[in-house]
Protein backbone atom coordinates (compact mmCIF):
# COMPACT_ATOMS: atom_id res chain seq x y z
CA UNK A 1 -138.10 72.28 19.63
CA UNK A 2 -135.40 74.92 20.59
CA UNK A 3 -132.28 74.32 18.42
CA UNK A 4 -130.16 75.97 21.41
CA UNK A 5 -131.45 73.03 23.88
CA UNK A 6 -130.83 70.52 21.02
CA UNK A 7 -127.10 71.63 20.31
CA UNK A 8 -125.69 68.17 21.34
CA UNK A 9 -128.11 66.45 18.91
CA UNK A 10 -127.41 68.89 16.06
CA UNK A 11 -123.61 68.10 16.80
CA UNK A 12 -124.30 64.27 16.61
CA UNK A 13 -126.39 64.84 13.41
CA UNK A 14 -123.58 66.75 11.75
CA UNK A 15 -121.13 64.09 12.75
CA UNK A 16 -123.63 61.52 11.21
CA UNK A 17 -123.83 63.48 8.07
CA UNK A 18 -120.23 63.55 7.63
CA UNK A 19 -119.70 59.91 8.29
CA UNK A 20 -122.44 58.99 5.71
CA UNK A 21 -120.50 61.18 3.36
CA UNK A 22 -117.41 59.13 4.04
CA UNK A 23 -119.30 55.91 3.63
CA UNK A 24 -120.48 57.06 0.09
CA UNK A 25 -116.90 58.14 -0.92
CA UNK A 26 -115.49 54.88 0.44
CA UNK A 27 -118.03 52.75 -1.66
CA UNK A 28 -117.54 54.93 -4.76
CA UNK A 29 -113.45 54.42 -4.19
CA UNK A 30 -113.98 50.69 -3.74
CA UNK A 31 -113.02 50.56 -0.14
CA UNK A 32 -112.76 47.40 1.83
CA UNK A 33 -115.98 46.10 3.00
CA UNK A 34 -115.16 45.85 6.72
CA UNK A 35 -114.10 49.60 6.78
CA UNK A 36 -117.24 50.51 5.03
CA UNK A 37 -119.49 48.54 7.42
CA UNK A 38 -117.53 49.96 10.38
CA UNK A 39 -118.08 53.56 9.25
CA UNK A 40 -121.61 52.84 8.70
CA UNK A 41 -122.16 51.46 12.01
CA UNK A 42 -120.61 54.52 13.42
CA UNK A 43 -122.97 56.70 11.60
CA UNK A 44 -126.05 54.64 12.60
CA UNK A 45 -124.95 55.07 16.30
CA UNK A 46 -124.57 58.75 15.86
CA UNK A 47 -128.17 58.91 14.42
CA UNK A 48 -129.66 56.64 17.24
CA UNK A 49 -127.81 58.93 19.91
CA UNK A 50 -129.18 62.14 18.29
CA UNK A 51 -132.56 60.71 18.23
CA UNK A 52 -132.51 59.76 22.08
CA UNK A 53 -131.18 63.00 22.94
CA UNK A 54 -134.21 64.59 21.15
CA UNK A 55 -136.55 62.35 23.09
CA UNK A 56 -134.84 63.11 26.32
CA UNK A 57 -135.21 66.78 25.72
CA UNK A 58 -138.86 66.33 24.91
CA UNK A 59 -139.49 64.33 28.18
CA UNK A 60 -137.81 67.24 30.12
CA UNK A 61 -140.06 69.85 28.24
CA UNK A 62 -143.16 67.69 29.22
CA UNK A 63 -142.20 67.34 32.70
CA UNK A 64 -141.30 70.97 33.09
CA UNK A 65 -144.78 71.97 31.49
CA UNK A 66 -146.60 69.55 33.92
CA UNK A 67 -144.79 71.31 36.85
CA UNK A 68 -145.81 74.62 35.79
CA UNK A 69 -149.50 73.41 35.43
CA UNK A 70 -149.31 73.54 31.60
CA UNK A 71 -150.40 71.15 28.91
CA UNK A 72 -147.17 69.07 27.85
CA UNK A 73 -146.47 69.27 24.22
CA UNK A 74 -146.57 65.24 23.99
CA UNK A 75 -148.38 62.62 25.96
CA UNK A 76 -146.67 59.85 27.66
CA UNK A 77 -147.99 57.46 24.98
CA UNK A 78 -146.54 59.55 22.11
CA UNK A 79 -143.13 59.94 23.84
CA UNK A 80 -143.22 56.07 24.37
CA UNK A 81 -144.01 55.49 20.68
CA UNK A 82 -141.09 57.76 19.72
CA UNK A 83 -138.82 55.90 21.89
CA UNK A 84 -139.80 52.55 20.61
CA UNK A 85 -139.55 53.85 16.99
CA UNK A 86 -135.66 54.16 17.64
CA UNK A 87 -135.36 50.81 19.29
């Protein structure tokens, strides 16, 4: 997969990376449970969104390959399995 095409996913993953670091620091500092869980939920959403962005990119690449008469990098079954992995 081309990193330039997945720039948005990489941005989301970097955001999640920072959020996970914040969660660790919050736990180590004895922060309030509600604040920790709220931050953890935000990190989880960022990871999910990055995953869905990657799958959407894969779907577009497969569609483009088919339109060009080429073999797509993934089958529809593989894409479906990846999608369901995130749900």
